[in-house]
Protein backbone atom coordinates (compact mmCIF):
# COMPACT_ATOMS: atom_id res chain seq x y z
CA MET A 1 98.59 82.30 89.50
CA SER A 2 101.76 83.21 90.90
CA LEU A 3 102.61 86.45 93.07
CA GLU A 4 104.34 87.79 90.29
CA GLU A 5 100.85 87.70 87.87
CA LYS A 6 99.09 89.03 90.86
CA THR A 7 101.19 91.85 91.44
CA LYS A 8 101.40 92.73 87.20
CA ASN A 9 97.38 92.02 87.57
CA VAL A 10 96.99 94.68 90.34
CA LEU A 11 99.05 97.35 88.56
CA SER A 12 97.91 97.01 85.40
CA ASP A 13 94.24 97.69 86.58
CA PHE A 14 94.39 98.74 90.02
CA ASP A 15 91.13 100.21 90.10
CA SER A 16 89.56 96.80 89.69
CA ALA A 17 91.09 95.54 92.25
CA SER A 18 90.24 95.41 95.85
CA SER A 19 92.10 96.99 98.80
CA GLN A 20 91.95 93.36 100.07
CA GLU A 21 93.59 91.71 97.35
CA ILE A 22 96.41 94.71 97.19
CA LEU A 23 97.30 94.08 100.91
CA GLU A 24 97.68 89.84 100.40
CA ILE A 25 100.12 90.89 97.57
CA LEU A 26 102.03 93.39 100.31
CA GLN A 27 102.13 91.02 103.19
CA GLN A 28 103.27 88.40 100.90
CA ILE A 29 106.45 90.22 98.91
CA LYS A 30 106.93 92.30 102.67
CA PRO A 31 109.84 89.61 103.74
CA ASN A 32 111.71 90.32 100.17
CA PHE A 33 112.99 93.37 101.58
CA GLN A 34 116.61 93.45 102.53
CA SER A 35 116.00 96.07 105.10
CA GLN A 36 114.28 95.25 108.48
CA LEU A 37 113.24 98.54 108.54
CA THR A 38 111.49 99.10 105.32
CA SER A 39 109.75 95.48 106.56
CA GLU A 40 108.44 97.13 109.48
CA TYR A 41 107.41 100.55 107.64
CA LEU A 42 105.47 98.56 105.54
CA GLN A 43 103.65 96.60 108.23
CA GLY A 44 102.79 99.62 109.73
CA LYS A 45 101.24 100.96 107.16
CA ILE A 46 99.39 97.65 105.74
CA GLN A 47 98.12 97.69 109.36
CA LYS A 48 97.04 101.16 108.89
CA ILE A 49 94.99 100.26 105.72
CA MET A 50 93.23 97.30 107.77
CA ASP A 51 92.24 99.36 109.99
CA ALA A 52 90.30 102.09 108.32
CA THR A 53 86.44 101.27 107.91
CA GLU A 54 85.94 102.94 104.16
CA GLU A 55 87.00 100.89 101.26
CA SER A 56 87.59 104.37 99.36
CA GLU A 57 89.76 105.67 102.08
CA LYS A 58 91.55 101.79 101.71
CA LYS A 59 92.33 102.27 98.13
CA THR A 60 93.59 105.65 98.43
CA GLN A 61 96.12 104.59 100.87
CA CYS A 62 97.04 101.23 98.83
CA LYS A 63 97.42 103.74 95.72
CA ALA A 64 100.64 104.98 97.65
CA LEU A 65 102.34 102.29 98.33
CA THR A 66 102.02 101.11 94.50
CA PRO A 67 106.04 101.58 94.40
CA TYR A 68 106.86 98.62 96.78
CA LEU A 69 104.39 96.48 93.95
CA ASP A 70 107.11 97.68 91.14
CA TRP A 71 109.82 97.31 93.69
CA TYR A 72 109.32 93.82 94.14
CA LEU A 73 108.66 93.44 89.88
CA GLN A 74 112.34 94.94 89.50
CA GLY A 75 113.65 92.41 92.19
CA LEU A 76 114.32 94.89 94.86
């Protein structure tokens, strides 16, 4: 399955996706951003989510990063 397909699947059924799956996709799309500042910001957010202990907290924080998934699908 391609990265684009994975991203579409996560966006279409976000509640059933695991935080780990979402973070893996975000890690893969991070290098596609043209701004180094944006990539660094996203990496900080990803690290914060990875450091969280509760899955519900991770999912809540992942939900806030869905615009990055949308941007990826729109071609950045």
